[in-house]
């Protein structure tokens, strides 16, 4: 179905319900394991550096699949692609639920991440095809509520389940919902996207997987093996070389998987970098803080998830607010204010102790997320506004990919620092030292982001929202 052919809203309500339900259940899994990680560590006898892979691999596969989905949307019908993506996600959920050991559980997360990575750009493309330009803001508002609400309830839901049942219950709750969505899609979903039969460059897929995967693996095992270990160095070098070859190949292809020429636009490059910093800060915090609360302070899983909830709600509420402020005032002061808040609160987290209270952690995290919210959406919109219309789709794919990779690598690095900086004397204070050092490093990274934000001079938008909505099919 072409862009000009739109459904009446009443007729597409069942279609939207299926699509948004699929998005909700897949996005939920990005934070659903946050408070379940300590019980998994105990049950499967793995370290913090190893268990964080359950979060990192989901985001890494997600990031790899986002650009590939552009090819898949042109190759397969809407129904076939949606049902396949949900089936892959459901299979990964089932595999995780029955996993007897950590490798099988990790493989299940790979399948979950692959299904979720297809789902997000597919849904956004369908939303843009179904709604005319003047209604797309409202449509994406519905989508925005879903992507804000799902991560908000993830840690609390998993915390409740883990406290009352085994950690595998997290997957057993998700599995029947995924199966119901697949059945509903079979009967209700219509073909919306147009088949263009594009060509896929498989060497690019191999190089990007080796590049991003090698870097993530190297940073992750550094927590156990040490930063100077041969395996760490080899993994990072292989990853860096593969990524360099991947970039060079994309610049030579007529139809690249990722269009790196968008980085010729300096404001887009800066804005993407700022978005990577805040996304890595947010994801790493959702991993480190629950581990700190459960393994060092003795809180249960539900309370550690509840601690994250106010911050997630703040982000959900602020998403439309920051959009309005951006339209009125531009990005410059939003970015600077956000990074000031993020920097100060991150350094405050670098002074944790055994006497710290639940209320202090919840309030400080909520304020920290407020700062992240002031940066995340404005930085994305500012960057895309600098691109000509024919590069918007490439810019959004690039932005999303690098944001997911930053979250994955940022989590791996900070967890590795948490482990290596801890004093191994058996005391709680010695373990907390590793957490404080990790937040110190995160604070300096946030401060670097603050300095970068001062290079943004022009606070005005260069394109109307209609230009962006009309050109961008990805987010």
Protein backbone atom coordinates (compact mmCIF):
# COMPACT_ATOMS: atom_id res chain seq x y z
CA UNK A 1 0.00 0.00 0.00
CA UNK A 2 1.42 3.37 -0.99
CA UNK A 3 1.70 6.46 1.20
CA UNK A 4 -1.34 8.14 -0.33
CA UNK A 5 -3.58 5.20 0.54
CA UNK A 6 -4.55 5.55 4.18
CA UNK A 7 -7.17 3.70 6.18
CA UNK A 8 -10.00 5.31 8.10
CA UNK A 9 -8.98 5.39 11.74
CA UNK A 10 -11.82 3.15 12.97
CA UNK A 11 -10.86 0.50 10.45
CA UNK A 12 -7.23 0.41 11.53
CA UNK A 13 -7.84 0.22 15.31
CA UNK A 14 -7.46 -3.62 15.34
CA UNK A 15 -4.36 -3.30 13.18
CA UNK A 16 -2.83 -0.67 15.49
CA UNK A 17 -3.72 -2.74 18.56
CA UNK A 18 -1.74 -5.69 17.18
CA UNK A 19 1.22 -3.53 16.17
CA UNK A 20 1.41 -1.59 19.44
CA UNK A 21 1.01 -4.79 21.48
CA UNK A 22 3.93 -6.32 19.58
CA UNK A 23 6.03 -3.23 20.19
CA UNK A 24 5.08 -3.13 23.87
CA UNK A 25 6.03 -6.73 24.64
CA UNK A 26 9.33 -6.52 22.77
CA UNK A 27 10.39 -3.16 24.28
CA UNK A 28 9.40 -4.43 27.72
CA UNK A 29 12.17 -7.02 27.47
CA UNK A 30 14.86 -4.37 27.22
CA UNK A 31 14.48 -3.64 30.96
CA UNK A 32 12.59 -6.73 32.12
CA UNK A 33 15.75 -8.51 33.31
CA UNK A 34 17.18 -5.50 35.17
CA UNK A 35 16.18 -6.73 38.64
CA UNK A 36 16.40 -10.43 37.76
CA UNK A 37 20.15 -10.35 37.12
CA UNK A 38 21.31 -10.98 40.75
CA UNK A 39 19.12 -14.13 41.14
CA UNK A 40 20.36 -15.36 37.76
CA UNK A 41 23.97 -14.79 38.90
CA UNK A 42 23.33 -16.85 42.02
CA UNK A 43 21.40 -19.65 40.33
CA UNK A 44 23.66 -20.09 37.30
CA UNK A 45 26.92 -19.27 39.14
CA UNK A 46 28.08 -16.41 36.89
CA UNK A 47 29.71 -13.06 37.67
CA UNK A 48 28.42 -9.51 37.13
CA UNK A 49 30.63 -9.21 34.04
CA UNK A 50 29.06 -12.34 32.56
CA UNK A 51 25.43 -11.76 33.52
CA UNK A 52 25.35 -8.25 32.03
CA UNK A 53 25.63 -9.95 28.63
CA UNK A 54 21.92 -10.76 28.95
CA UNK A 55 21.27 -7.01 28.66
CA UNK A 56 24.11 -6.16 26.30
CA UNK A 57 23.47 -8.95 23.77
CA UNK A 58 19.80 -7.93 23.50
CA UNK A 59 20.77 -4.35 22.65
CA UNK A 60 23.65 -5.40 20.38
CA UNK A 61 21.50 -7.74 18.26
CA UNK A 62 18.80 -5.06 18.30
CA UNK A 63 21.28 -2.55 16.91
CA UNK A 64 22.50 -4.94 14.21
CA UNK A 65 18.95 -5.79 13.11
CA UNK A 66 17.71 -2.20 12.80
CA UNK A 67 19.53 -1.41 9.51
CA UNK A 68 18.91 -4.94 8.17
CA UNK A 69 15.18 -4.37 8.62
CA UNK A 70 15.23 -1.80 5.81
CA UNK A 71 16.13 -4.67 3.49
CA UNK A 72 13.56 -7.02 5.06
CA UNK A 73 10.69 -4.52 4.73
CA UNK A 74 11.33 -4.25 1.00
CA UNK A 75 11.72 -8.01 0.63
CA UNK A 76 8.74 -9.42 2.59
CA UNK A 77 5.09 -8.49 3.13
CA UNK A 78 3.98 -6.75 6.32
CA UNK A 79 2.11 -9.78 7.69
CA UNK A 80 4.89 -12.23 6.93
CA UNK A 81 7.60 -10.01 8.43
CA UNK A 82 5.62 -9.12 11.57
CA UNK A 83 4.58 -12.71 12.27
CA UNK A 84 8.13 -13.93 11.59
CA UNK A 85 9.63 -11.31 13.92
CA UNK A 86 7.16 -12.13 16.70
CA UNK A 87 7.78 -15.86 16.16
CA UNK A 88 11.55 -15.36 16.49
CA UNK A 89 10.94 -13.33 19.65
CA UNK A 90 8.58 -15.98 21.05
CA UNK A 91 11.08 -18.77 20.31
CA UNK A 92 13.79 -16.82 22.14
CA UNK A 93 11.43 -16.33 25.08
CA UNK A 94 10.65 -20.06 25.17
CA UNK A 95 14.35 -20.94 24.96
CA UNK A 96 15.12 -18.58 27.85
CA UNK A 97 12.27 -20.00 29.93
CA UNK A 98 13.54 -23.59 29.66
CA UNK A 99 17.26 -22.76 29.70
CA UNK A 100 19.26 -25.20 31.86
CA UNK A 101 22.40 -23.04 31.81
CA UNK A 102 23.72 -19.58 30.96
CA UNK A 103 24.73 -20.22 27.30
CA UNK A 104 21.20 -21.38 26.42
CA UNK A 105 19.71 -18.39 28.25
CA UNK A 106 22.05 -16.07 26.34
CA UNK A 107 21.04 -17.70 23.04
CA UNK A 108 17.41 -17.10 23.94
CA UNK A 109 18.18 -13.41 24.44
CA UNK A 110 19.83 -13.32 21.00
CA UNK A 111 16.58 -14.52 19.40
CA UNK A 112 14.57 -12.07 21.51
CA UNK A 113 16.81 -9.19 20.42
CA UNK A 114 16.58 -10.20 16.74
CA UNK A 115 12.77 -10.25 16.83
CA UNK A 116 12.58 -6.95 18.71
CA UNK A 117 15.08 -5.33 16.34
CA UNK A 118 12.81 -6.07 13.37
CA UNK A 119 9.67 -4.97 15.21
CA UNK A 120 10.59 -1.37 15.99
CA UNK A 121 11.45 0.01 12.52
CA UNK A 122 8.67 -2.08 10.97
CA UNK A 123 6.08 -0.56 13.28
CA UNK A 124 7.28 2.99 12.67
CA UNK A 125 7.28 2.50 8.91
CA UNK A 126 3.70 1.18 9.01
CA UNK A 127 2.60 4.14 11.18
CA UNK A 128 4.01 6.57 8.62
CA UNK A 129 2.31 4.74 5.76
CA UNK A 130 -1.09 4.59 7.47
CA UNK A 131 -1.35 8.19 8.63
CA UNK A 132 -1.21 11.39 6.55
CA UNK A 133 1.42 13.98 7.48
CA UNK A 134 -0.97 16.08 9.57
CA UNK A 135 -1.84 13.07 11.77
CA UNK A 136 1.59 11.51 12.15
CA UNK A 137 2.46 13.50 15.26
CA UNK A 138 -0.56 12.06 17.05
CA UNK A 139 0.26 8.57 15.76
CA UNK A 140 3.85 8.74 16.95
CA UNK A 141 2.57 10.11 20.25
CA UNK A 142 0.74 6.81 20.79
CA UNK A 143 3.93 5.00 19.89
CA UNK A 144 5.91 7.22 22.26
CA UNK A 145 3.64 6.38 25.18
CA UNK A 146 4.19 2.67 24.50
CA UNK A 147 7.98 2.93 24.34
CA UNK A 148 8.00 5.02 27.53
CA UNK A 149 5.54 2.89 29.53
CA UNK A 150 7.03 -0.50 28.65
CA UNK A 151 10.53 0.18 30.08
CA UNK A 152 8.92 1.91 33.07
CA UNK A 153 7.13 -1.21 34.31
CA UNK A 154 9.84 -3.69 33.28
CA UNK A 155 12.07 -3.57 36.39
CA UNK A 156 9.15 -3.46 38.85
CA UNK A 157 7.34 -6.34 37.12
CA UNK A 158 10.45 -8.51 37.04
CA UNK A 159 11.20 -7.59 40.65
CA UNK A 160 7.76 -8.74 41.78
CA UNK A 161 8.00 -11.98 39.80
CA UNK A 162 11.52 -12.79 40.99
CA UNK A 163 10.58 -12.19 44.64
CA UNK A 164 7.56 -14.51 44.47
CA UNK A 165 8.63 -17.07 41.85
CA UNK A 166 11.79 -18.33 40.13
CA UNK A 167 13.53 -15.92 37.73
CA UNK A 168 12.31 -18.00 34.76
CA UNK A 169 8.79 -16.75 35.53
CA UNK A 170 9.83 -13.50 33.80
CA UNK A 171 9.86 -15.41 30.50
CA UNK A 172 6.86 -17.62 31.24
CA UNK A 173 4.70 -14.50 31.70
CA UNK A 174 5.85 -12.98 28.39
CA UNK A 175 5.56 -16.16 26.27
CA UNK A 176 1.74 -16.57 26.18
CA UNK A 177 1.30 -12.86 25.43
CA UNK A 178 3.68 -13.17 22.46
CA UNK A 179 1.77 -16.22 21.18
CA UNK A 180 -1.58 -14.38 21.46
CA UNK A 181 -0.13 -11.46 19.46
CA UNK A 182 1.05 -13.87 16.73
CA UNK A 183 -2.43 -15.42 16.48
CA UNK A 184 -4.10 -11.98 16.42
CA UNK A 185 -1.69 -10.80 13.71
CA UNK A 186 -2.58 -13.80 11.56
CA UNK A 187 -6.23 -12.72 11.48
CA UNK A 188 -6.06 -8.92 11.81
CA UNK A 189 -2.84 -7.67 10.23
CA UNK A 190 -2.96 -6.36 6.66
CA UNK A 191 -0.14 -5.83 4.18
CA UNK A 192 0.84 -2.17 4.25
CA UNK A 193 4.45 -1.90 3.08
CA UNK A 194 5.46 -1.98 -0.59
CA UNK A 195 7.80 -4.69 -1.90
CA UNK A 196 10.88 -3.28 -3.66
CA UNK A 197 13.04 -6.46 -3.71
CA UNK A 198 16.33 -4.81 -2.66
CA UNK A 199 19.72 -6.55 -2.73
CA UNK A 200 21.50 -7.52 0.47
CA UNK A 201 25.27 -7.27 0.90
CA UNK A 202 26.01 -10.24 3.14
CA UNK A 203 29.68 -9.35 3.62
CA UNK A 204 28.54 -6.10 5.26
CA UNK A 205 26.41 -8.07 7.72
CA UNK A 206 29.39 -10.27 8.63
CA UNK A 207 31.71 -7.28 9.07
CA UNK A 208 29.22 -5.30 11.17
CA UNK A 209 28.54 -8.32 13.40
CA UNK A 210 32.26 -8.98 13.89
CA UNK A 211 32.92 -5.27 14.43
CA UNK A 212 30.28 -4.45 17.01
CA UNK A 213 30.34 -7.95 18.53
CA UNK A 214 34.12 -8.01 18.86
CA UNK A 215 34.22 -4.67 20.64
CA UNK A 216 31.42 -5.64 23.00
CA UNK A 217 32.98 -9.03 23.78
CA UNK A 218 36.35 -7.46 24.50
CA UNK A 219 34.93 -4.85 26.86
CA UNK A 220 32.74 -7.46 28.59
CA UNK A 221 35.43 -10.06 29.37
CA UNK A 222 37.73 -7.33 30.67
CA UNK A 223 35.80 -7.51 33.96
CA UNK A 224 36.90 -11.10 34.52
CA UNK A 225 40.20 -11.35 32.61
CA UNK A 226 41.62 -7.86 33.16
CA UNK A 227 42.11 -5.03 30.67
CA UNK A 228 45.62 -6.21 29.66
CA UNK A 229 44.67 -9.83 28.95
CA UNK A 230 45.44 -11.17 25.45
CA UNK A 231 41.83 -12.22 24.81
CA UNK A 232 40.62 -8.71 25.59
CA UNK A 233 43.17 -7.08 23.29
CA UNK A 234 42.51 -9.53 20.42
CA UNK A 235 38.74 -9.10 20.66
CA UNK A 236 38.92 -5.30 20.66
CA UNK A 237 41.45 -5.23 17.78
CA UNK A 238 39.38 -7.67 15.67
CA UNK A 239 36.27 -5.63 16.41
CA UNK A 240 37.92 -2.32 15.55
CA UNK A 241 39.46 -3.62 12.28
CA UNK A 242 36.18 -5.27 11.21
CA UNK A 243 34.28 -2.08 11.96
CA UNK A 244 36.76 -0.04 9.91
CA UNK A 245 36.39 -2.45 6.98
CA UNK A 246 32.60 -2.29 7.37
CA UNK A 247 32.63 1.53 7.18
CA UNK A 248 34.93 1.52 4.13
CA UNK A 249 32.65 -0.97 2.36
CA UNK A 250 29.53 1.08 3.09
CA UNK A 251 31.15 4.14 1.49
CA UNK A 252 31.74 2.15 -1.71
CA UNK A 253 28.30 0.52 -2.04
CA UNK A 254 25.48 2.06 -4.07
CA UNK A 255 22.95 0.74 -1.51
CA UNK A 256 24.79 0.62 1.83
CA UNK A 257 23.27 -0.96 4.92
CA UNK A 258 24.27 2.12 6.91
CA UNK A 259 24.93 5.42 5.10
CA UNK A 260 27.99 6.82 6.86
CA UNK A 261 27.96 9.93 4.67
CA UNK A 262 25.44 11.42 7.08
CA UNK A 263 28.39 12.11 9.38
CA UNK A 264 29.58 14.76 6.93
CA UNK A 265 26.95 16.94 8.61
CA UNK A 266 28.77 18.08 11.76
CA UNK A 267 25.70 18.94 13.85
CA UNK A 268 24.25 15.49 13.13
CA UNK A 269 27.53 13.89 14.21
CA UNK A 270 27.64 15.89 17.45
CA UNK A 271 23.96 15.24 18.19
CA UNK A 272 24.40 11.50 17.61
CA UNK A 273 27.38 11.46 19.96
CA UNK A 274 25.39 13.26 22.66
CA UNK A 275 22.53 10.77 22.24
CA UNK A 276 24.95 7.84 22.58
CA UNK A 277 26.33 9.25 25.84
CA UNK A 278 22.93 9.71 27.51
CA UNK A 279 21.55 6.37 26.28
CA UNK A 280 24.60 4.49 27.59
CA UNK A 281 24.23 6.36 30.90
CA UNK A 282 20.58 5.38 31.21
CA UNK A 283 21.00 1.69 30.33
CA UNK A 284 24.15 1.22 32.43
CA UNK A 285 22.36 2.75 35.43
CA UNK A 286 19.46 0.29 35.15
CA UNK A 287 21.97 -2.59 35.32
CA UNK A 288 24.41 -1.36 37.99
CA UNK A 289 21.91 0.07 40.49
CA UNK A 290 19.79 -3.12 40.93
CA UNK A 291 22.98 -5.20 41.34
CA UNK A 292 24.22 -2.68 43.93
CA UNK A 293 20.92 -2.70 45.86
CA UNK A 294 20.45 -6.48 45.89
CA UNK A 295 23.98 -7.83 46.28
CA UNK A 296 25.45 -5.08 48.48
CA UNK A 297 22.56 -3.49 50.40
CA UNK A 298 20.29 -6.54 50.73
CA UNK A 299 17.17 -5.10 49.06
CA UNK A 300 14.86 -7.58 47.33
CA UNK A 301 14.30 -7.57 43.56
CA UNK A 302 10.92 -5.84 43.74
CA UNK A 303 12.27 -2.89 45.72
CA UNK A 304 15.26 -2.49 43.41
CA UNK A 305 12.82 -2.35 40.47
CA UNK A 306 10.55 0.03 42.34
CA UNK A 307 13.52 2.34 42.85
CA UNK A 308 13.85 2.71 39.06
CA UNK A 309 10.13 3.31 38.49
CA UNK A 310 9.92 7.05 39.35
CA UNK A 311 12.71 7.80 36.87
CA UNK A 312 11.00 5.84 34.11
CA UNK A 313 7.72 7.66 34.78
CA UNK A 314 9.55 11.00 34.64
CA UNK A 315 10.91 10.07 31.23
CA UNK A 316 7.47 9.07 29.97
CA UNK A 317 5.91 12.35 31.12
CA UNK A 318 8.74 14.51 29.79
CA UNK A 319 8.83 13.04 26.26
CA UNK A 320 6.00 15.26 24.91
CA UNK A 321 7.10 18.20 27.10
CA UNK A 322 10.63 18.27 25.71
CA UNK A 323 9.18 18.08 22.20
CA UNK A 324 7.13 21.22 22.85
CA UNK A 325 10.10 23.01 24.40
CA UNK A 326 12.27 22.03 21.45
CA UNK A 327 9.74 23.46 18.98
CA UNK A 328 9.60 26.72 20.91
CA UNK A 329 13.18 27.28 22.05
CA UNK A 330 15.41 24.91 20.09
CA UNK A 331 17.87 22.35 21.43
CA UNK A 332 20.80 24.37 22.75
CA UNK A 333 19.61 25.12 26.28
CA UNK A 334 17.77 21.84 26.67
CA UNK A 335 21.00 19.96 25.93
CA UNK A 336 23.11 22.07 28.25
CA UNK A 337 20.61 21.95 31.12
CA UNK A 338 20.16 18.21 30.68
CA UNK A 339 23.89 17.50 30.74
CA UNK A 340 24.42 19.70 33.81
CA UNK A 341 21.78 17.67 35.67
CA UNK A 342 23.16 14.36 34.36
CA UNK A 343 26.75 15.25 35.30
CA UNK A 344 25.94 16.44 38.84
CA UNK A 345 23.64 13.51 39.68
CA UNK A 346 26.05 10.93 38.24
CA UNK A 347 28.86 12.24 40.45
CA UNK A 348 26.44 12.13 43.41
CA UNK A 349 25.94 8.42 42.66
CA UNK A 350 29.73 8.04 42.92
CA UNK A 351 29.52 8.49 46.70
CA UNK A 352 27.35 5.52 47.67
CA UNK A 353 27.70 3.72 51.00
CA UNK A 354 26.05 0.99 53.08
CA UNK A 355 23.91 3.62 54.85
CA UNK A 356 22.29 4.95 51.68
CA UNK A 357 18.47 4.92 51.76
CA UNK A 358 15.90 3.69 49.24
CA UNK A 359 14.33 7.17 49.03
CA UNK A 360 17.66 8.82 48.28
CA UNK A 361 18.38 6.38 45.47
CA UNK A 362 14.88 6.69 43.95
CA UNK A 363 14.82 10.51 44.06
CA UNK A 364 18.37 10.91 42.79
CA UNK A 365 17.76 8.45 39.95
CA UNK A 366 14.54 10.28 38.98
CA UNK A 367 16.39 13.61 38.83
CA UNK A 368 19.16 11.97 36.81
CA UNK A 369 16.59 10.61 34.34
CA UNK A 370 15.10 14.11 34.09
CA UNK A 371 18.47 15.29 32.79
CA UNK A 372 18.63 12.36 30.35
CA UNK A 373 15.12 13.20 29.09
CA UNK A 374 16.13 16.79 28.34
CA UNK A 375 18.90 15.50 26.06
CA UNK A 376 17.64 12.32 24.40
CA UNK A 377 14.76 13.49 22.18
CA UNK A 378 16.12 17.00 21.41
CA UNK A 379 19.53 15.63 20.39
CA UNK A 380 17.89 13.13 18.01
CA UNK A 381 15.58 15.72 16.44
CA UNK A 382 18.33 18.35 16.20
CA UNK A 383 20.59 15.94 14.34
CA UNK A 384 17.92 14.78 11.89
CA UNK A 385 16.87 18.37 11.17
CA UNK A 386 20.30 19.05 9.69
CA UNK A 387 20.01 16.34 7.03
CA UNK A 388 18.49 16.77 3.56
CA UNK A 389 15.27 14.83 3.03
CA UNK A 390 16.88 12.00 1.05
CA UNK A 391 19.19 11.21 4.01
CA UNK A 392 16.57 11.30 6.78
CA UNK A 393 15.88 7.56 6.68
CA UNK A 394 19.62 6.82 6.73
CA UNK A 395 20.13 9.28 9.59
CA UNK A 396 17.45 7.73 11.76
CA UNK A 397 18.75 4.21 11.10
CA UNK A 398 22.29 5.34 11.94
CA UNK A 399 21.16 7.18 15.06
CA UNK A 400 19.20 4.21 16.39
CA UNK A 401 21.95 1.72 15.58
CA UNK A 402 24.70 3.67 17.31
CA UNK A 403 22.47 4.41 20.29
CA UNK A 404 21.84 0.68 20.82
CA UNK A 405 25.53 -0.13 20.41
CA UNK A 406 26.46 2.64 22.86
CA UNK A 407 24.04 1.19 25.40
CA UNK A 408 25.50 -2.29 24.98
CA UNK A 409 29.17 -1.27 25.14
CA UNK A 410 28.55 1.36 27.85
CA UNK A 411 26.93 -1.27 30.06
CA UNK A 412 29.77 -3.74 29.44
CA UNK A 413 32.47 -1.17 30.22
CA UNK A 414 30.90 0.19 33.41
CA UNK A 415 30.12 -3.30 34.75
CA UNK A 416 33.72 -4.32 34.00
CA UNK A 417 34.95 -1.23 35.91
CA UNK A 418 32.62 -2.10 38.80
CA UNK A 419 34.28 -5.51 39.09
CA UNK A 420 37.93 -4.53 38.54
CA UNK A 421 37.80 -1.47 40.81
CA UNK A 422 36.22 -3.32 43.74
CA UNK A 423 38.47 -4.17 46.69
CA UNK A 424 38.47 -7.96 47.02
CA UNK A 425 38.51 -8.13 50.83
CA UNK A 426 35.10 -9.73 51.29
CA UNK A 427 33.57 -6.54 52.71
CA UNK A 428 30.52 -4.71 51.42
CA UNK A 429 32.46 -1.44 51.45
CA UNK A 430 35.08 -2.98 49.18
CA UNK A 431 32.44 -4.04 46.67
CA UNK A 432 30.73 -0.65 46.80
CA UNK A 433 34.02 0.99 45.89
CA UNK A 434 33.74 -0.61 42.42
CA UNK A 435 30.26 0.89 41.95
CA UNK A 436 31.51 4.33 42.99
CA UNK A 437 34.45 4.18 40.59
CA UNK A 438 32.11 3.16 37.74
CA UNK A 439 29.86 6.16 38.42
CA UNK A 440 32.94 8.40 38.64
CA UNK A 441 33.90 7.30 35.12
CA UNK A 442 30.29 7.79 33.97
CA UNK A 443 30.36 11.26 35.51
CA UNK A 444 33.45 12.27 33.52
CA UNK A 445 31.81 10.95 30.34
CA UNK A 446 28.71 13.03 31.12
CA UNK A 447 30.95 16.06 31.71
CA UNK A 448 32.51 15.47 28.28
CA UNK A 449 28.98 15.48 26.87
CA UNK A 450 28.35 18.79 28.63
CA UNK A 451 31.42 20.30 26.97
CA UNK A 452 30.27 18.98 23.57
CA UNK A 453 26.84 20.55 24.08
CA UNK A 454 28.46 23.98 24.10
CA UNK A 455 29.56 23.44 20.49
CA UNK A 456 25.86 23.56 19.49
CA UNK A 457 25.37 27.21 18.58
CA UNK A 458 22.24 27.38 16.47
CA UNK A 459 19.20 26.51 18.57
CA UNK A 460 16.71 26.91 15.74
CA UNK A 461 15.31 24.07 13.72
CA UNK A 462 16.35 24.03 10.08
CA UNK A 463 13.32 22.09 8.87
CA UNK A 464 9.65 22.09 9.72
CA UNK A 465 8.17 19.16 11.57
CA UNK A 466 6.26 18.35 8.41
CA UNK A 467 9.53 17.91 6.53
CA UNK A 468 10.79 15.49 9.16
CA UNK A 469 7.56 13.56 9.41
CA UNK A 470 7.24 13.29 5.69
CA UNK A 471 10.77 12.10 5.12
CA UNK A 472 11.52 9.87 8.08
CA UNK A 473 10.27 6.31 8.29
CA UNK A 474 12.57 5.28 11.10
CA UNK A 475 13.17 6.41 14.62
